[in-house]
């Protein structure tokens, strides 16, 4: 089995941005994220390039196994990749 190269911080941010898009595709998922984060929908746009915010997005996804699996499938990545990406973000 081939070993994957480690993720870069830029790749981690890209995965987190994809995770946010994934959440935004479903009103229930996005609603739960907004409720738990205390953010308003208008706050998201202002924080899209904030690595701390993107880390929080991954924290939310990593809190539910079904979200991890669904995101990994969507991105065509192993399920452990979102956690690896999270470790690279503040």
Foldseek 3Di string as FASTA:
>chain_A
DDDDDADDLVVLLVLLLLLVVVQVVDPVSVVVLCVVVVHDPVVCVVCSPPLVVSLSSLVSQVVDPVSLVVSCVVVVHPSCVSVSSSVSTD
